[in-house]
Structures are given as C-alpha cells and as structure tokens.
C-alpha cells in the first residue's frame, strides 16, 4: 500500500452479497498521524486476524484519506472502533468526492465508549456512491477535548 503521513476495483472476501475492495491494489492512503507500532495498513488490509489497529501518534482530531486510482463505486462502508481503557465520547464523520472535487457529506456519528460496558463501535453504512476518487474519515477521539488518541480497528469498503 502506498501511504503518506501528512502531519497537521479488485474485490476479495465475500461478505453477504458484497465483496470487500482490495484497497492495497486500487488506492493510496494519507493519515494525519500514525503510531509506528499501529500502522494504517492494519486497519485496511484484507488479510490478518483483525487484532491490530491503526492508532494516531498524537491526541486530537485525525484524518484518514483514501485516494482511489480510478473512480470507484462504493455500496457499503464498514467501520470498527475499539476502546477498552478510556471512557470517552468519540465522533467520526465521513465524506467523499469524485471528479468534480466537491465534498459530499456521508454522515456523522458519536459513540460513548466505557471500559465497563461499551468497548466496540461497529458501523455498516449502506450507500450508493458513484465514481469515488477520495473518501475521508475524520475521527475526533474525545469530543470533550481530552488526551485520547484516534484509533480504527477496521475499515472495509464494498
């Protein structure tokens, strides 16, 4: 996978009627921050046991941007976040753009993590996004401004 840390349609693995896109073959990725022990490939790769995650290197809002080599049709966005240690409210937003380079809002979601209860957020967003060239995930790990770092266990597209 090609990637860059920016500072401040081949398909595999059937899932129901969908097949996950192999992002390593059809896209590059940019991340605003990355802990070298938790690279973004851990969250995007189709192989592996799913026990690893991407983790930012610094607290605060972070971006993961997927840049497709050619316009791509997306029907399903699967996101999985895990937090087992810190009680916090996270917010993520998703947007996309195509050849017109206009940003289109997909959605925003907040989730309350609690080590004694809710430790995993799983989102399956059914969409119809034609000709995607750029998909942007923004993660605000703690909306109260705490010192939590953004994490992402899994991001899959179909």
N, C-alpha and C. Protein backbone atom coordinates (compact mmCIF):
# COMPACT_ATOMS: atom_id res chain seq x y z
N UNK A 1 0.84 -1.17 0.00
CA UNK A 1 0.00 0.00 0.00
C UNK A 1 0.88 1.23 0.00
N UNK A 2 0.52 2.21 -0.80
CA UNK A 2 1.22 3.49 -0.81
C UNK A 2 0.58 4.36 0.25
N UNK A 3 1.38 5.09 1.03
CA UNK A 3 0.80 5.98 2.04
C UNK A 3 1.73 7.14 2.27
N UNK A 4 1.18 8.19 2.89
CA UNK A 4 1.98 9.31 3.34
C UNK A 4 1.39 9.81 4.64
N UNK A 5 2.25 10.19 5.57
CA UNK A 5 1.81 10.80 6.82
C UNK A 5 1.90 12.29 6.61
N UNK A 6 0.76 13.01 6.65
CA UNK A 6 0.71 14.40 6.23
C UNK A 6 0.91 15.40 7.36
N UNK A 7 0.99 14.99 8.59
CA UNK A 7 1.16 15.92 9.71
C UNK A 7 -0.15 16.46 10.16
N UNK A 8 -0.20 18.15 10.47
CA UNK A 8 -1.50 18.60 10.97
C UNK A 8 -2.46 18.10 9.84
N UNK A 9 -11.03 -1.67 -9.25
CA UNK A 9 -11.86 -2.26 -8.29
C UNK A 9 -11.83 -3.75 -8.35
N UNK A 10 -10.61 -4.07 -7.65
CA UNK A 10 -10.44 -5.51 -7.44
C UNK A 10 -11.15 -5.87 -6.14
N UNK A 11 -11.84 -7.00 -6.09
CA UNK A 11 -12.60 -7.34 -4.89
C UNK A 11 -12.19 -8.69 -4.35
N UNK A 12 -12.23 -8.85 -3.03
CA UNK A 12 -11.90 -10.09 -2.34
C UNK A 12 -12.85 -10.30 -1.18
N UNK A 13 -12.80 -11.47 -0.58
CA UNK A 13 -13.50 -11.83 0.64
C UNK A 13 -14.99 -11.48 0.63
N UNK A 14 -15.82 -12.38 0.12
CA UNK A 14 -17.26 -12.11 0.09
C UNK A 14 -17.84 -11.88 1.48
N UNK A 15 -18.74 -10.93 1.56
CA UNK A 15 -19.47 -10.65 2.79
C UNK A 15 -20.92 -10.44 2.38
N UNK A 16 -21.74 -11.45 2.66
CA UNK A 16 -23.12 -11.37 2.22
C UNK A 16 -23.16 -11.24 0.71
N UNK A 17 -23.88 -10.25 0.21
CA UNK A 17 -23.93 -10.05 -1.24
C UNK A 17 -22.82 -9.12 -1.71
N UNK A 18 -21.96 -8.68 -0.80
CA UNK A 18 -20.88 -7.75 -1.15
C UNK A 18 -19.52 -8.43 -1.08
N UNK A 19 -18.57 -7.85 -1.79
CA UNK A 19 -17.18 -8.29 -1.70
C UNK A 19 -16.34 -7.08 -1.35
N UNK A 20 -15.42 -7.24 -0.41
CA UNK A 20 -14.58 -6.13 0.03
C UNK A 20 -13.62 -5.73 -1.08
N UNK A 21 -13.41 -4.45 -1.24
CA UNK A 21 -12.43 -3.94 -2.20
C UNK A 21 -11.03 -4.13 -1.63
N UNK A 22 -10.10 -4.50 -2.46
CA UNK A 22 -8.70 -4.65 -2.05
C UNK A 22 -8.01 -3.29 -2.19
N UNK A 23 -8.07 -2.51 -1.13
CA UNK A 23 -7.56 -1.14 -1.17
C UNK A 23 -6.06 -1.08 -1.44
N UNK A 24 -5.34 -2.10 -1.06
CA UNK A 24 -3.90 -2.12 -1.32
C UNK A 24 -3.60 -2.10 -2.81
N UNK A 25 -4.52 -2.61 -3.62
CA UNK A 25 -4.31 -2.67 -5.07
C UNK A 25 -4.90 -1.49 -5.83
N UNK A 26 -5.90 -0.81 -5.26
CA UNK A 26 -6.63 0.20 -6.04
C UNK A 26 -6.58 1.61 -5.46
N UNK A 27 -5.83 1.81 -4.37
CA UNK A 27 -5.84 3.12 -3.73
C UNK A 27 -4.55 3.39 -2.98
N UNK A 28 -4.38 4.64 -2.61
CA UNK A 28 -3.33 5.03 -1.67
C UNK A 28 -4.03 5.68 -0.49
N UNK A 29 -3.30 5.87 0.60
CA UNK A 29 -3.90 6.42 1.81
C UNK A 29 -3.01 7.49 2.41
N UNK A 30 -3.65 8.51 2.97
CA UNK A 30 -2.95 9.54 3.72
C UNK A 30 -3.51 9.54 5.13
N UNK A 31 -2.64 9.67 6.12
CA UNK A 31 -3.08 9.78 7.51
C UNK A 31 -2.42 11.01 8.11
N UNK A 32 -3.15 11.69 8.99
CA UNK A 32 -2.61 12.90 9.59
C UNK A 32 -1.59 12.59 10.68
N UNK A 33 -1.63 11.39 11.24
CA UNK A 33 -0.70 10.98 12.29
C UNK A 33 -0.73 9.46 12.36
N UNK A 34 0.40 8.86 12.77
CA UNK A 34 0.43 7.41 12.84
C UNK A 34 1.47 6.96 13.86
N UNK A 35 1.05 6.09 14.77
CA UNK A 35 1.96 5.42 15.69
C UNK A 35 2.61 4.29 14.90
N UNK A 36 3.94 4.25 14.87
CA UNK A 36 4.63 3.27 14.03
C UNK A 36 4.32 1.82 14.41
N UNK A 37 3.87 1.58 15.65
CA UNK A 37 3.50 0.23 16.06
C UNK A 37 2.08 -0.14 15.64
N UNK A 38 1.31 0.84 15.19
CA UNK A 38 -0.08 0.63 14.79
C UNK A 38 -0.34 1.32 13.45
N UNK A 39 0.25 0.80 12.35
CA UNK A 39 0.12 1.46 11.05
C UNK A 39 -1.27 1.32 10.45
N UNK A 40 -1.60 2.24 9.56
CA UNK A 40 -2.93 2.25 8.94
C UNK A 40 -3.20 0.97 8.16
N UNK A 41 -2.16 0.32 7.63
CA UNK A 41 -2.36 -0.93 6.90
C UNK A 41 -3.07 -1.97 7.76
N UNK A 42 -2.86 -1.92 9.07
CA UNK A 42 -3.50 -2.88 9.98
C UNK A 42 -5.03 -2.80 9.91
N UNK A 43 -5.54 -1.60 9.71
CA UNK A 43 -6.99 -1.41 9.66
C UNK A 43 -7.58 -1.61 8.27
N UNK A 44 -6.75 -1.47 7.23
CA UNK A 44 -7.26 -1.52 5.86
C UNK A 44 -7.02 -2.84 5.15
N UNK A 45 -6.03 -3.60 5.57
CA UNK A 45 -5.66 -4.84 4.87
C UNK A 45 -6.75 -5.89 5.02
N UNK A 46 -6.98 -6.64 3.97
CA UNK A 46 -7.99 -7.70 3.99
C UNK A 46 -7.48 -8.95 4.68
N UNK A 47 -6.18 -9.10 4.78
CA UNK A 47 -5.60 -10.26 5.44
C UNK A 47 -5.29 -9.93 6.90
N UNK A 48 -5.03 -10.94 7.69
CA UNK A 48 -4.72 -10.73 9.10
C UNK A 48 -5.88 -11.14 9.97
N UNK A 49 -5.62 -11.18 11.27
CA UNK A 49 -6.62 -11.68 12.21
C UNK A 49 -7.50 -10.59 12.80
N UNK A 50 -7.26 -9.33 12.46
CA UNK A 50 -8.12 -8.26 12.95
C UNK A 50 -7.84 -7.84 14.37
N UNK A 51 -6.76 -8.36 14.97
CA UNK A 51 -6.43 -7.98 16.35
C UNK A 51 -5.60 -6.72 16.43
N UNK A 52 -5.14 -6.19 15.29
CA UNK A 52 -4.35 -4.97 15.31
C UNK A 52 -5.19 -3.81 14.79
N UNK A 53 -4.73 -2.61 15.05
CA UNK A 53 -5.47 -1.42 14.69
C UNK A 53 -4.52 -0.33 14.24
N UNK A 54 -5.10 0.70 13.60
CA UNK A 54 -4.38 1.94 13.37
C UNK A 54 -4.53 2.79 14.62
N UNK A 55 -3.50 3.49 14.95
CA UNK A 55 -3.54 4.41 16.08
C UNK A 55 -2.76 5.66 15.73
N UNK A 56 -3.35 6.82 16.02
CA UNK A 56 -2.65 8.08 15.81
C UNK A 56 -1.48 8.19 16.78
N UNK A 57 -0.54 9.04 16.45
CA UNK A 57 0.63 9.25 17.30
C UNK A 57 0.43 10.38 18.30
N UNK A 58 -0.57 11.22 18.07
CA UNK A 58 -0.84 12.36 18.94
C UNK A 58 -2.34 12.44 19.22
N UNK A 59 -2.72 13.05 20.34
CA UNK A 59 -4.15 13.22 20.65
C UNK A 59 -4.81 14.20 19.68
N UNK A 60 -6.13 14.19 19.71
CA UNK A 60 -6.90 15.15 18.93
C UNK A 60 -7.42 14.58 17.63
N UNK A 61 -8.11 15.44 16.89
CA UNK A 61 -8.76 15.06 15.64
C UNK A 61 -7.75 14.58 14.62
N UNK A 62 -8.11 13.50 13.91
CA UNK A 62 -7.24 12.90 12.90
C UNK A 62 -8.04 12.60 11.64
N UNK A 63 -7.32 12.49 10.52
CA UNK A 63 -7.94 12.17 9.24
C UNK A 63 -7.27 10.96 8.61
N UNK A 64 -8.11 10.13 7.99
CA UNK A 64 -7.67 9.03 7.14
C UNK A 64 -8.31 9.30 5.79
N UNK A 65 -7.49 9.46 4.76
CA UNK A 65 -7.99 9.79 3.43
C UNK A 65 -7.58 8.69 2.47
N UNK A 66 -8.56 8.09 1.82
CA UNK A 66 -8.30 7.06 0.82
C UNK A 66 -8.44 7.70 -0.55
N UNK A 67 -7.39 7.60 -1.36
CA UNK A 67 -7.34 8.18 -2.69
C UNK A 67 -7.33 7.05 -3.72
N UNK A 68 -8.43 6.91 -4.44
CA UNK A 68 -8.57 5.82 -5.40
C UNK A 68 -7.85 6.15 -6.70
N UNK A 69 -7.26 5.13 -7.33
CA UNK A 69 -6.54 5.30 -8.58
C UNK A 69 -7.48 5.65 -9.73
N UNK A 70 -8.71 5.18 -9.66
CA UNK A 70 -9.72 5.49 -10.67
C UNK A 70 -11.07 5.56 -9.97
N UNK A 71 -12.06 6.20 -10.61
CA UNK A 71 -13.39 6.31 -9.99
C UNK A 71 -13.92 4.94 -9.57
N UNK A 72 -14.43 4.87 -8.34
CA UNK A 72 -14.84 3.59 -7.74
C UNK A 72 -16.25 3.71 -7.18
N UNK A 73 -17.07 2.70 -7.44
CA UNK A 73 -18.43 2.63 -6.91
C UNK A 73 -18.38 1.97 -5.54
N UNK A 74 -18.97 2.62 -4.54
CA UNK A 74 -18.99 2.08 -3.18
C UNK A 74 -20.44 1.93 -2.73
N UNK A 75 -20.77 0.72 -2.23
CA UNK A 75 -22.12 0.41 -1.75
C UNK A 75 -22.17 0.22 -0.24
N UNK A 76 -21.04 -0.11 0.38
CA UNK A 76 -21.03 -0.42 1.81
C UNK A 76 -19.73 0.09 2.43
N UNK A 77 -19.86 0.76 3.57
CA UNK A 77 -18.71 1.19 4.35
C UNK A 77 -18.82 0.54 5.72
N UNK A 78 -17.82 -0.27 6.07
CA UNK A 78 -17.79 -0.96 7.36
C UNK A 78 -16.68 -0.34 8.20
N UNK A 79 -17.04 0.15 9.38
CA UNK A 79 -16.09 0.75 10.31
C UNK A 79 -16.18 0.02 11.64
N UNK A 80 -15.02 -0.18 12.27
CA UNK A 80 -15.00 -0.79 13.60
C UNK A 80 -13.97 -0.03 14.44
N UNK A 81 -14.44 0.45 15.59
CA UNK A 81 -13.59 1.15 16.55
C UNK A 81 -13.64 0.39 17.86
N UNK A 82 -12.50 0.32 18.57
CA UNK A 82 -12.43 -0.36 19.85
C UNK A 82 -11.72 0.53 20.85
N UNK A 83 -12.27 0.64 22.05
CA UNK A 83 -11.63 1.36 23.15
C UNK A 83 -11.94 0.61 24.43
N UNK A 84 -10.92 0.01 25.03
CA UNK A 84 -11.12 -0.80 26.22
C UNK A 84 -10.59 -0.15 27.49
N UNK A 85 -9.94 1.01 27.38
CA UNK A 85 -9.27 1.58 28.55
C UNK A 85 -9.83 2.91 29.03
N UNK A 86 -10.33 3.75 28.12
CA UNK A 86 -10.70 5.13 28.49
C UNK A 86 -12.18 5.36 28.22
N UNK A 87 -12.87 5.94 29.18
CA UNK A 87 -14.25 6.36 28.96
C UNK A 87 -14.22 7.68 28.21
N UNK A 88 -14.90 7.71 27.06
CA UNK A 88 -14.87 8.90 26.22
C UNK A 88 -16.00 8.86 25.21
N UNK A 89 -16.32 10.02 24.65
CA UNK A 89 -17.28 10.11 23.56
C UNK A 89 -16.51 10.49 22.30
N UNK A 90 -16.57 9.61 21.31
CA UNK A 90 -15.89 9.81 20.04
C UNK A 90 -16.89 10.26 19.00
N UNK A 91 -16.41 11.04 18.04
CA UNK A 91 -17.23 11.42 16.89
C UNK A 91 -16.43 11.16 15.62
N UNK A 92 -17.09 10.56 14.64
CA UNK A 92 -16.45 10.45 13.33
C UNK A 92 -17.37 11.02 12.27
N UNK A 93 -16.76 11.52 11.20
CA UNK A 93 -17.51 11.99 10.05
C UNK A 93 -16.90 11.36 8.80
N UNK A 94 -17.73 11.15 7.80
CA UNK A 94 -17.30 10.61 6.52
C UNK A 94 -17.77 11.53 5.40
N UNK A 95 -16.88 11.73 4.42
CA UNK A 95 -17.26 12.48 3.23
C UNK A 95 -16.53 11.87 2.03
N UNK A 96 -17.00 12.22 0.84
CA UNK A 96 -16.38 11.70 -0.38
C UNK A 96 -16.41 12.76 -1.46
N UNK A 97 -15.56 12.58 -2.44
CA UNK A 97 -15.60 13.42 -3.63
C UNK A 97 -15.23 12.59 -4.84
N UNK A 98 -15.68 13.07 -5.99
CA UNK A 98 -15.41 12.41 -7.26
C UNK A 98 -14.64 13.34 -8.17
N UNK A 99 -14.88 13.21 -9.46
CA UNK A 99 -14.17 14.02 -10.44
C UNK A 99 -14.45 15.51 -10.30
N UNK A 100 -15.65 15.86 -9.78
CA UNK A 100 -15.99 17.27 -9.62
C UNK A 100 -15.26 17.92 -8.44
N UNK A 101 -14.57 17.13 -7.62
CA UNK A 101 -13.80 17.56 -6.45
C UNK A 101 -14.65 18.27 -5.39
N UNK A 102 -15.97 18.15 -5.50
CA UNK A 102 -16.85 18.71 -4.47
C UNK A 102 -16.99 17.69 -3.35
N UNK A 103 -16.91 18.14 -2.10
CA UNK A 103 -17.04 17.25 -0.96
C UNK A 103 -18.52 16.98 -0.68
N UNK A 104 -18.85 15.69 -0.55
CA UNK A 104 -20.22 15.27 -0.27
C UNK A 104 -20.24 14.59 1.09
N UNK A 105 -21.08 15.08 1.98
CA UNK A 105 -21.19 14.54 3.34
C UNK A 105 -21.92 13.19 3.30
N UNK A 106 -21.34 12.18 3.96
CA UNK A 106 -21.99 10.88 4.08
C UNK A 106 -22.70 10.78 5.42
N UNK A 107 -22.01 11.14 6.49
CA UNK A 107 -22.65 11.05 7.80
C UNK A 107 -21.69 11.39 8.93
N UNK A 108 -22.30 11.51 10.11
CA UNK A 108 -21.55 11.78 11.34
C UNK A 108 -22.17 10.93 12.43
N UNK A 109 -21.32 10.40 13.30
CA UNK A 109 -21.81 9.53 14.37
C UNK A 109 -20.99 9.77 15.64
N UNK A 110 -21.67 9.81 16.77
CA UNK A 110 -21.00 9.85 18.07
C UNK A 110 -21.22 8.53 18.78
N UNK A 111 -20.23 8.13 19.58
CA UNK A 111 -20.31 6.88 20.31
C UNK A 111 -19.67 7.07 21.67
N UNK A 112 -20.34 6.55 22.72
CA UNK A 112 -19.80 6.61 24.08
C UNK A 112 -19.11 5.29 24.40
N UNK A 113 -17.79 5.36 24.59
CA UNK A 113 -17.03 4.18 25.00
C UNK A 113 -16.95 4.14 26.52
N UNK A 114 -17.05 2.94 27.07
CA UNK A 114 -16.93 2.74 28.51
C UNK A 114 -16.26 1.38 28.75
N UNK A 115 -15.11 1.37 29.45
CA UNK A 115 -14.41 0.09 29.68
C UNK A 115 -15.26 -0.95 30.39
N UNK A 116 -16.24 -0.51 31.17
CA UNK A 116 -17.08 -1.46 31.91
C UNK A 116 -18.32 -1.88 31.12
N UNK A 117 -18.45 -1.40 29.88
CA UNK A 117 -19.65 -1.74 29.12
C UNK A 117 -19.41 -1.72 27.63
N UNK A 118 -19.53 -0.56 27.04
CA UNK A 118 -19.46 -0.41 25.59
C UNK A 118 -18.01 -0.17 25.14
N UNK A 119 -17.37 -1.21 24.62
CA UNK A 119 -15.97 -1.09 24.21
C UNK A 119 -15.78 -1.16 22.70
N UNK A 120 -16.84 -1.43 21.95
CA UNK A 120 -16.71 -1.56 20.50
C UNK A 120 -17.86 -0.86 19.78
N UNK A 121 -17.50 -0.10 18.75
CA UNK A 121 -18.48 0.51 17.86
C UNK A 121 -18.31 -0.11 16.48
N UNK A 122 -19.38 -0.63 15.91
CA UNK A 122 -19.37 -1.19 14.57
C UNK A 122 -20.45 -0.48 13.77
N UNK A 123 -20.06 0.05 12.62
CA UNK A 123 -21.00 0.74 11.74
C UNK A 123 -20.94 0.10 10.36
N UNK A 124 -22.11 -0.21 9.81
CA UNK A 124 -22.24 -0.70 8.44
C UNK A 124 -23.14 0.28 7.70
N UNK A 125 -22.54 1.13 6.92
CA UNK A 125 -23.27 2.18 6.22
C UNK A 125 -23.53 1.76 4.79
N UNK A 126 -24.80 1.56 4.46
CA UNK A 126 -25.18 1.22 3.09
C UNK A 126 -25.34 2.53 2.32
N UNK A 127 -24.59 2.65 1.24
CA UNK A 127 -24.54 3.89 0.46
C UNK A 127 -24.60 3.54 -1.02
N UNK A 128 -24.74 4.54 -1.85
CA UNK A 128 -24.62 4.40 -3.29
C UNK A 128 -23.78 5.57 -3.77
N UNK A 129 -22.47 5.38 -3.76
CA UNK A 129 -21.53 6.45 -4.10
C UNK A 129 -20.86 6.13 -5.43
N UNK A 130 -21.27 6.79 -6.50
CA UNK A 130 -20.68 6.51 -7.81
C UNK A 130 -19.41 7.33 -8.04
N UNK A 131 -18.42 6.74 -8.61
CA UNK A 131 -17.23 7.49 -9.04
C UNK A 131 -16.42 8.11 -7.93
N UNK A 132 -16.24 7.42 -6.82
CA UNK A 132 -15.48 7.97 -5.70
C UNK A 132 -13.99 8.00 -6.04
N UNK A 133 -13.38 9.15 -5.87
CA UNK A 133 -11.93 9.28 -6.00
C UNK A 133 -11.26 9.53 -4.66
N UNK A 134 -12.02 10.09 -3.72
CA UNK A 134 -11.48 10.42 -2.40
C UNK A 134 -12.54 10.12 -1.35
N UNK A 135 -12.14 9.35 -0.34
CA UNK A 135 -13.01 9.06 0.80
C UNK A 135 -12.27 9.54 2.04
N UNK A 136 -12.91 10.39 2.83
CA UNK A 136 -12.26 10.99 4.00
C UNK A 136 -12.99 10.62 5.29
N UNK A 137 -12.26 10.02 6.21
CA UNK A 137 -12.74 9.71 7.55
C UNK A 137 -12.04 10.65 8.52
N UNK A 138 -12.83 11.41 9.27
CA UNK A 138 -12.30 12.28 10.32
C UNK A 138 -12.73 11.73 11.65
N UNK A 139 -11.78 11.52 12.56
CA UNK A 139 -12.07 10.96 13.88
C UNK A 139 -11.67 11.98 14.94
N UNK A 140 -12.65 12.37 15.75
CA UNK A 140 -12.40 13.19 16.93
C UNK A 140 -12.52 12.22 18.10
N UNK A 141 -11.39 11.76 18.68
CA UNK A 141 -11.45 10.67 19.65
C UNK A 141 -12.13 11.02 20.97
N UNK A 142 -12.15 12.29 21.33
CA UNK A 142 -12.79 12.70 22.58
C UNK A 142 -13.38 14.09 22.37
N UNK A 143 -14.70 14.18 22.24
CA UNK A 143 -15.31 15.47 21.93
C UNK A 143 -15.17 16.47 23.06
N UNK A 144 -14.80 16.01 24.27
CA UNK A 144 -14.59 16.94 25.38
C UNK A 144 -13.17 17.51 25.37
N UNK A 145 -12.36 17.08 24.40
CA UNK A 145 -11.01 17.63 24.26
C UNK A 145 -9.95 16.94 25.10
N UNK A 146 -10.21 15.74 25.59
CA UNK A 146 -9.25 15.00 26.39
C UNK A 146 -8.02 14.59 25.60
N UNK A 147 -7.21 13.74 26.19
CA UNK A 147 -5.94 13.34 25.60
C UNK A 147 -6.00 12.00 24.85
N UNK A 148 -7.18 11.51 24.57
CA UNK A 148 -7.31 10.24 23.84
C UNK A 148 -6.77 10.39 22.43
N UNK A 149 -6.23 9.29 21.91
CA UNK A 149 -5.77 9.27 20.52
C UNK A 149 -6.77 8.49 19.67
N UNK A 150 -6.88 8.90 18.42
CA UNK A 150 -7.77 8.23 17.49
C UNK A 150 -7.26 6.83 17.17
N UNK A 151 -8.21 5.89 17.07
CA UNK A 151 -7.89 4.52 16.69
C UNK A 151 -8.94 4.04 15.69
N UNK A 152 -8.58 3.03 14.93
CA UNK A 152 -9.50 2.41 13.99
C UNK A 152 -9.11 0.95 13.87
N UNK A 153 -9.99 0.05 14.27
CA UNK A 153 -9.70 -1.38 14.18
C UNK A 153 -9.82 -1.86 12.74
N UNK A 154 -10.89 -1.39 12.03
CA UNK A 154 -11.12 -1.91 10.69
C UNK A 154 -11.91 -0.91 9.87
N UNK A 155 -11.52 -0.78 8.61
CA UNK A 155 -12.29 -0.03 7.61
C UNK A 155 -12.31 -0.90 6.36
N UNK A 156 -13.51 -1.26 5.92
CA UNK A 156 -13.70 -2.08 4.72
C UNK A 156 -14.71 -1.38 3.83
N UNK A 157 -14.53 -1.54 2.53
CA UNK A 157 -15.42 -0.95 1.54
C UNK A 157 -15.86 -2.02 0.56
N UNK A 158 -17.09 -1.93 0.13
CA UNK A 158 -17.60 -2.84 -0.90
C UNK A 158 -18.41 -2.03 -1.89
